[in-house]
């Protein structure tokens, strides 16, 4: 699997699924789209459908994670973490394939 979820990120995903009363078949969908300051931006959301022909799926810390195969090329080896501090709060991507990223941390260049 190209994207690895930390235990802290998985706990936050489970909390969101519970708090928002999402369907039991909900998966975390991680991807890449064109745009942002540096050329590509990360996408992160919830979905109830996935297709094994176009998506890779894994279970990490009890969270089903789905990545479309095109995004897999850009996300191979990426770690998705959750940061909670007084300076910022949210999910962070540590992508070894990013040659350059912007200050906001949500877009990158590969």
N, C-alpha and C. Protein backbone atom coordinates (compact mmCIF):
# COMPACT_ATOMS: atom_id res chain seq x y z
N UNK A 1 0.85 -1.20 0.00
CA UNK A 1 0.00 0.00 0.00
C UNK A 1 0.87 1.23 0.00
N UNK A 2 0.50 2.17 -0.77
CA UNK A 2 1.32 3.37 -0.92
C UNK A 2 1.22 4.32 0.26
N UNK A 3 0.08 4.40 0.92
CA UNK A 3 -0.12 5.35 2.01
C UNK A 3 -0.19 4.59 3.32
N UNK A 4 0.60 5.04 4.29
CA UNK A 4 0.58 4.44 5.61
C UNK A 4 -0.06 5.42 6.59
N UNK A 5 -0.97 4.93 7.38
CA UNK A 5 -1.66 5.73 8.38
C UNK A 5 -1.00 5.51 9.73
N UNK A 6 -0.70 6.59 10.44
CA UNK A 6 -0.19 6.42 11.80
C UNK A 6 -1.36 6.06 12.71
N UNK A 7 -1.03 5.55 13.86
CA UNK A 7 -2.08 5.20 14.81
C UNK A 7 -2.87 6.44 15.24
N UNK A 8 -2.19 7.55 15.40
CA UNK A 8 -2.85 8.79 15.80
C UNK A 8 -3.83 9.26 14.72
N UNK A 9 -3.43 9.16 13.45
CA UNK A 9 -4.32 9.54 12.34
C UNK A 9 -5.52 8.60 12.30
N UNK A 10 -5.30 7.31 12.50
CA UNK A 10 -6.39 6.34 12.48
C UNK A 10 -7.40 6.62 13.59
N UNK A 11 -6.92 6.98 14.76
CA UNK A 11 -7.83 7.31 15.87
C UNK A 11 -8.70 8.51 15.51
N UNK A 12 -8.11 9.51 14.88
CA UNK A 12 -8.87 10.70 14.49
C UNK A 12 -9.89 10.36 13.40
N UNK A 13 -9.52 9.52 12.44
CA UNK A 13 -10.45 9.10 11.39
C UNK A 13 -11.63 8.36 12.01
N UNK A 14 -11.36 7.44 12.93
CA UNK A 14 -12.43 6.70 13.60
C UNK A 14 -13.36 7.64 14.37
N UNK A 15 -12.77 8.65 15.01
CA UNK A 15 -13.56 9.63 15.77
C UNK A 15 -14.49 10.41 14.83
N UNK A 16 -13.98 10.83 13.68
CA UNK A 16 -14.79 11.57 12.71
C UNK A 16 -15.93 10.69 12.19
N UNK A 17 -15.62 9.44 11.86
CA UNK A 17 -16.65 8.52 11.36
C UNK A 17 -17.76 8.34 12.39
N UNK A 18 -17.38 8.19 13.65
CA UNK A 18 -18.35 8.03 14.73
C UNK A 18 -19.15 9.31 14.95
N UNK A 19 -18.44 10.43 15.07
CA UNK A 19 -19.11 11.72 15.34
C UNK A 19 -20.08 12.11 14.23
N UNK A 20 -19.73 11.82 12.98
CA UNK A 20 -20.58 12.19 11.85
C UNK A 20 -21.57 11.08 11.49
N UNK A 21 -21.55 9.98 12.26
CA UNK A 21 -22.47 8.86 12.05
C UNK A 21 -22.44 8.37 10.61
N UNK A 22 -21.22 8.16 10.08
CA UNK A 22 -21.06 7.68 8.72
C UNK A 22 -21.37 6.19 8.65
N UNK A 23 -21.70 5.73 7.46
CA UNK A 23 -22.08 4.33 7.24
C UNK A 23 -20.95 3.38 7.64
N UNK A 24 -21.30 2.16 8.07
CA UNK A 24 -20.28 1.19 8.48
C UNK A 24 -19.30 0.82 7.37
N UNK A 25 -19.72 0.92 6.11
CA UNK A 25 -18.84 0.58 4.99
C UNK A 25 -17.95 1.75 4.54
N UNK A 26 -17.94 2.83 5.30
CA UNK A 26 -17.15 4.02 4.95
C UNK A 26 -15.66 3.70 4.95
N UNK A 27 -14.98 4.21 3.91
CA UNK A 27 -13.53 4.08 3.79
C UNK A 27 -12.91 5.47 3.74
N UNK A 28 -11.66 5.56 4.14
CA UNK A 28 -10.90 6.80 4.00
C UNK A 28 -10.29 6.79 2.61
N UNK A 29 -10.64 7.77 1.79
CA UNK A 29 -10.10 7.86 0.43
C UNK A 29 -9.03 8.94 0.39
N UNK A 30 -7.82 8.51 -0.01
CA UNK A 30 -6.67 9.41 -0.11
C UNK A 30 -6.28 9.49 -1.59
N UNK A 31 -6.00 10.71 -2.05
CA UNK A 31 -5.65 10.85 -3.46
C UNK A 31 -4.86 12.10 -3.75
N UNK A 32 -4.62 12.30 -5.03
CA UNK A 32 -3.89 13.46 -5.53
C UNK A 32 -4.70 14.03 -6.69
N UNK A 33 -4.76 15.35 -6.74
CA UNK A 33 -5.44 16.03 -7.86
C UNK A 33 -4.53 17.14 -8.35
N UNK A 34 -4.70 17.51 -9.60
CA UNK A 34 -3.94 18.63 -10.14
C UNK A 34 -4.41 19.92 -9.50
N UNK A 35 -3.47 20.84 -9.23
CA UNK A 35 -3.83 22.13 -8.65
C UNK A 35 -2.94 22.49 -7.49
N UNK A 36 -3.33 23.50 -6.76
CA UNK A 36 -2.55 23.97 -5.63
C UNK A 36 -1.39 24.83 -6.09
N UNK A 37 -0.64 25.35 -5.15
CA UNK A 37 0.48 26.26 -5.45
C UNK A 37 1.63 25.56 -6.17
N UNK A 38 1.79 24.27 -5.94
CA UNK A 38 2.98 23.56 -6.44
C UNK A 38 2.68 22.56 -7.55
N UNK A 39 1.44 22.46 -8.00
CA UNK A 39 1.13 21.56 -9.11
C UNK A 39 0.17 20.44 -8.78
N UNK A 40 0.33 19.82 -7.61
CA UNK A 40 -0.57 18.75 -7.17
C UNK A 40 -1.04 19.08 -5.77
N UNK A 41 -2.25 18.66 -5.46
CA UNK A 41 -2.72 18.82 -4.09
C UNK A 41 -3.28 17.49 -3.58
N UNK A 42 -3.16 17.30 -2.30
CA UNK A 42 -3.65 16.08 -1.67
C UNK A 42 -5.16 16.17 -1.53
N UNK A 43 -5.82 15.03 -1.64
CA UNK A 43 -7.25 14.97 -1.35
C UNK A 43 -7.46 13.89 -0.28
N UNK A 44 -8.36 14.19 0.61
CA UNK A 44 -8.63 13.32 1.74
C UNK A 44 -10.12 13.41 2.03
N UNK A 45 -10.79 12.28 2.05
CA UNK A 45 -12.23 12.31 2.30
C UNK A 45 -12.75 10.92 2.61
N UNK A 46 -14.05 10.85 2.72
CA UNK A 46 -14.71 9.58 3.03
C UNK A 46 -15.55 9.15 1.85
N UNK A 47 -15.65 7.84 1.67
CA UNK A 47 -16.40 7.28 0.55
C UNK A 47 -17.02 5.97 1.03
N UNK A 48 -18.06 5.55 0.35
CA UNK A 48 -18.66 4.25 0.67
C UNK A 48 -18.49 3.27 -0.48
N UNK A 49 -17.92 3.74 -1.58
CA UNK A 49 -17.72 2.87 -2.74
C UNK A 49 -16.26 2.87 -3.15
N UNK A 50 -15.81 1.72 -3.61
CA UNK A 50 -14.47 1.61 -4.18
C UNK A 50 -14.48 0.45 -5.16
N UNK A 51 -13.59 0.53 -6.13
CA UNK A 51 -13.55 -0.45 -7.21
C UNK A 51 -12.15 -1.08 -7.25
N UNK A 52 -12.03 -2.38 -7.03
CA UNK A 52 -10.72 -3.02 -7.03
C UNK A 52 -9.98 -2.90 -8.36
N UNK A 53 -10.69 -2.57 -9.44
CA UNK A 53 -10.04 -2.39 -10.74
C UNK A 53 -9.25 -1.09 -10.81
N UNK A 54 -9.71 -0.07 -10.08
CA UNK A 54 -9.05 1.24 -10.14
C UNK A 54 -8.52 1.73 -8.80
N UNK A 55 -8.82 1.01 -7.72
CA UNK A 55 -8.41 1.42 -6.37
C UNK A 55 -7.60 0.33 -5.69
N UNK A 56 -6.68 0.75 -4.84
CA UNK A 56 -5.98 -0.15 -3.92
C UNK A 56 -6.62 0.05 -2.55
N UNK A 57 -6.78 -1.03 -1.81
CA UNK A 57 -7.42 -0.94 -0.49
C UNK A 57 -6.58 -1.69 0.54
N UNK A 58 -6.46 -1.10 1.71
CA UNK A 58 -5.79 -1.77 2.82
C UNK A 58 -6.52 -1.42 4.11
N UNK A 59 -6.24 -2.17 5.15
CA UNK A 59 -6.79 -1.92 6.48
C UNK A 59 -5.62 -1.53 7.37
N UNK A 60 -5.69 -0.36 7.98
CA UNK A 60 -4.59 0.11 8.83
C UNK A 60 -5.14 0.61 10.15
N UNK A 61 -4.72 -0.02 11.23
CA UNK A 61 -5.19 0.33 12.58
C UNK A 61 -6.72 0.35 12.65
N UNK A 62 -7.35 -0.57 11.92
CA UNK A 62 -8.80 -0.67 11.93
C UNK A 62 -9.51 0.30 11.00
N UNK A 63 -8.78 1.01 10.15
CA UNK A 63 -9.38 1.95 9.20
C UNK A 63 -9.15 1.44 7.78
N UNK A 64 -10.23 1.26 7.01
CA UNK A 64 -10.05 0.91 5.60
C UNK A 64 -9.58 2.14 4.81
N UNK A 65 -8.46 1.99 4.10
CA UNK A 65 -7.86 3.09 3.34
C UNK A 65 -7.88 2.72 1.86
N UNK A 66 -8.37 3.63 1.03
CA UNK A 66 -8.48 3.42 -0.40
C UNK A 66 -7.72 4.51 -1.13
N UNK A 67 -6.90 4.11 -2.11
CA UNK A 67 -6.15 5.05 -2.95
C UNK A 67 -6.34 4.64 -4.39
N UNK A 68 -6.74 5.59 -5.25
CA UNK A 68 -6.87 5.23 -6.66
C UNK A 68 -5.48 4.97 -7.23
N UNK A 69 -5.40 4.10 -8.22
CA UNK A 69 -4.10 3.64 -8.73
C UNK A 69 -3.28 4.74 -9.38
N UNK A 70 -3.92 5.78 -9.92
CA UNK A 70 -3.17 6.91 -10.48
C UNK A 70 -2.48 7.69 -9.36
N UNK A 71 -3.18 7.91 -8.26
CA UNK A 71 -2.60 8.63 -7.12
C UNK A 71 -1.50 7.82 -6.46
N UNK A 72 -1.62 6.48 -6.53
CA UNK A 72 -0.61 5.58 -5.97
C UNK A 72 0.80 5.94 -6.44
N UNK A 73 0.91 6.34 -7.71
CA UNK A 73 2.22 6.69 -8.27
C UNK A 73 2.88 7.84 -7.53
N UNK A 74 2.07 8.80 -7.08
CA UNK A 74 2.59 9.99 -6.40
C UNK A 74 2.67 9.83 -4.89
N UNK A 75 1.94 8.86 -4.35
CA UNK A 75 1.83 8.71 -2.89
C UNK A 75 2.61 7.53 -2.32
N UNK A 76 3.32 6.80 -3.16
CA UNK A 76 4.05 5.62 -2.69
C UNK A 76 5.00 5.98 -1.56
N UNK A 77 4.82 5.38 -0.40
CA UNK A 77 5.68 5.63 0.76
C UNK A 77 5.24 6.78 1.63
N UNK A 78 4.10 7.40 1.32
CA UNK A 78 3.60 8.55 2.08
C UNK A 78 3.02 8.10 3.41
N UNK A 79 3.31 8.87 4.45
CA UNK A 79 2.74 8.63 5.77
C UNK A 79 1.73 9.73 6.07
N UNK A 80 0.53 9.34 6.44
CA UNK A 80 -0.51 10.28 6.83
C UNK A 80 -0.58 10.27 8.35
N UNK A 81 -0.37 11.45 8.93
CA UNK A 81 -0.35 11.59 10.39
C UNK A 81 -1.39 12.63 10.80
N UNK A 82 -1.62 12.74 12.09
CA UNK A 82 -2.51 13.77 12.62
C UNK A 82 -1.75 14.55 13.66
N UNK A 83 -1.74 15.87 13.50
CA UNK A 83 -1.02 16.74 14.43
C UNK A 83 -2.05 17.56 15.20
N UNK A 84 -1.85 17.61 16.51
CA UNK A 84 -2.74 18.42 17.35
C UNK A 84 -1.89 19.20 18.33
N UNK A 85 -1.80 20.49 18.12
CA UNK A 85 -1.01 21.34 19.00
C UNK A 85 -1.60 22.74 19.04
N UNK A 86 -0.94 23.60 19.78
CA UNK A 86 -1.45 24.97 19.87
C UNK A 86 -1.17 25.76 18.59
N UNK A 87 -0.18 25.30 17.81
CA UNK A 87 0.17 26.01 16.58
C UNK A 87 -0.69 25.59 15.39
N UNK A 88 -1.09 24.31 15.34
CA UNK A 88 -1.94 23.83 14.26
C UNK A 88 -2.59 22.50 14.65
N UNK A 89 -3.63 22.17 13.92
CA UNK A 89 -4.34 20.91 14.15
C UNK A 89 -4.80 20.39 12.80
N UNK A 90 -4.51 19.14 12.50
CA UNK A 90 -4.99 18.56 11.26
C UNK A 90 -4.12 17.42 10.77
N UNK A 91 -4.53 16.87 9.64
CA UNK A 91 -3.80 15.78 9.02
C UNK A 91 -2.59 16.33 8.27
N UNK A 92 -1.49 15.58 8.32
CA UNK A 92 -0.28 15.99 7.61
C UNK A 92 0.20 14.83 6.74
N UNK A 93 0.77 15.18 5.60
CA UNK A 93 1.31 14.21 4.66
C UNK A 93 2.83 14.31 4.68
N UNK A 94 3.49 13.18 4.87
CA UNK A 94 4.94 13.11 4.74
C UNK A 94 5.20 12.26 3.50
N UNK A 95 5.46 12.96 2.37
CA UNK A 95 5.57 12.30 1.08
C UNK A 95 7.01 12.33 0.59
N UNK A 96 7.68 11.18 0.54
CA UNK A 96 9.07 11.15 0.09
C UNK A 96 9.23 11.45 -1.41
N UNK A 97 8.13 11.45 -2.16
CA UNK A 97 8.17 11.72 -3.60
C UNK A 97 8.06 13.20 -3.92
N UNK A 98 7.71 14.02 -2.92
CA UNK A 98 7.54 15.45 -3.15
C UNK A 98 8.91 16.11 -3.26
N UNK A 99 9.17 16.69 -4.41
CA UNK A 99 10.44 17.40 -4.63
C UNK A 99 10.37 18.81 -4.07
N UNK A 100 9.16 19.36 -4.01
CA UNK A 100 8.94 20.71 -3.52
C UNK A 100 7.52 20.78 -2.99
N UNK A 101 7.31 21.49 -1.90
CA UNK A 101 5.95 21.67 -1.41
C UNK A 101 5.76 23.12 -0.99
N UNK A 102 4.52 23.53 -0.90
CA UNK A 102 4.23 24.92 -0.55
C UNK A 102 4.16 25.07 0.96
N UNK A 103 4.07 26.29 1.41
CA UNK A 103 4.02 26.59 2.84
C UNK A 103 2.81 26.03 3.55
N UNK A 104 1.70 25.89 2.83
CA UNK A 104 0.48 25.39 3.47
C UNK A 104 0.53 23.89 3.72
N UNK A 105 1.42 23.18 3.01
CA UNK A 105 1.56 21.74 3.21
C UNK A 105 0.51 20.90 2.52
N UNK A 106 -0.37 21.53 1.75
CA UNK A 106 -1.41 20.75 1.09
C UNK A 106 -1.18 20.58 -0.41
N UNK A 107 -0.09 21.14 -0.93
CA UNK A 107 0.23 20.90 -2.33
C UNK A 107 1.72 20.62 -2.47
N UNK A 108 2.06 19.95 -3.58
CA UNK A 108 3.45 19.53 -3.77
C UNK A 108 3.77 19.40 -5.25
N UNK A 109 5.05 19.27 -5.52
CA UNK A 109 5.55 19.03 -6.87
C UNK A 109 6.30 17.72 -6.87
N UNK A 110 6.03 16.87 -7.86
CA UNK A 110 6.70 15.57 -7.92
C UNK A 110 7.68 15.51 -9.08
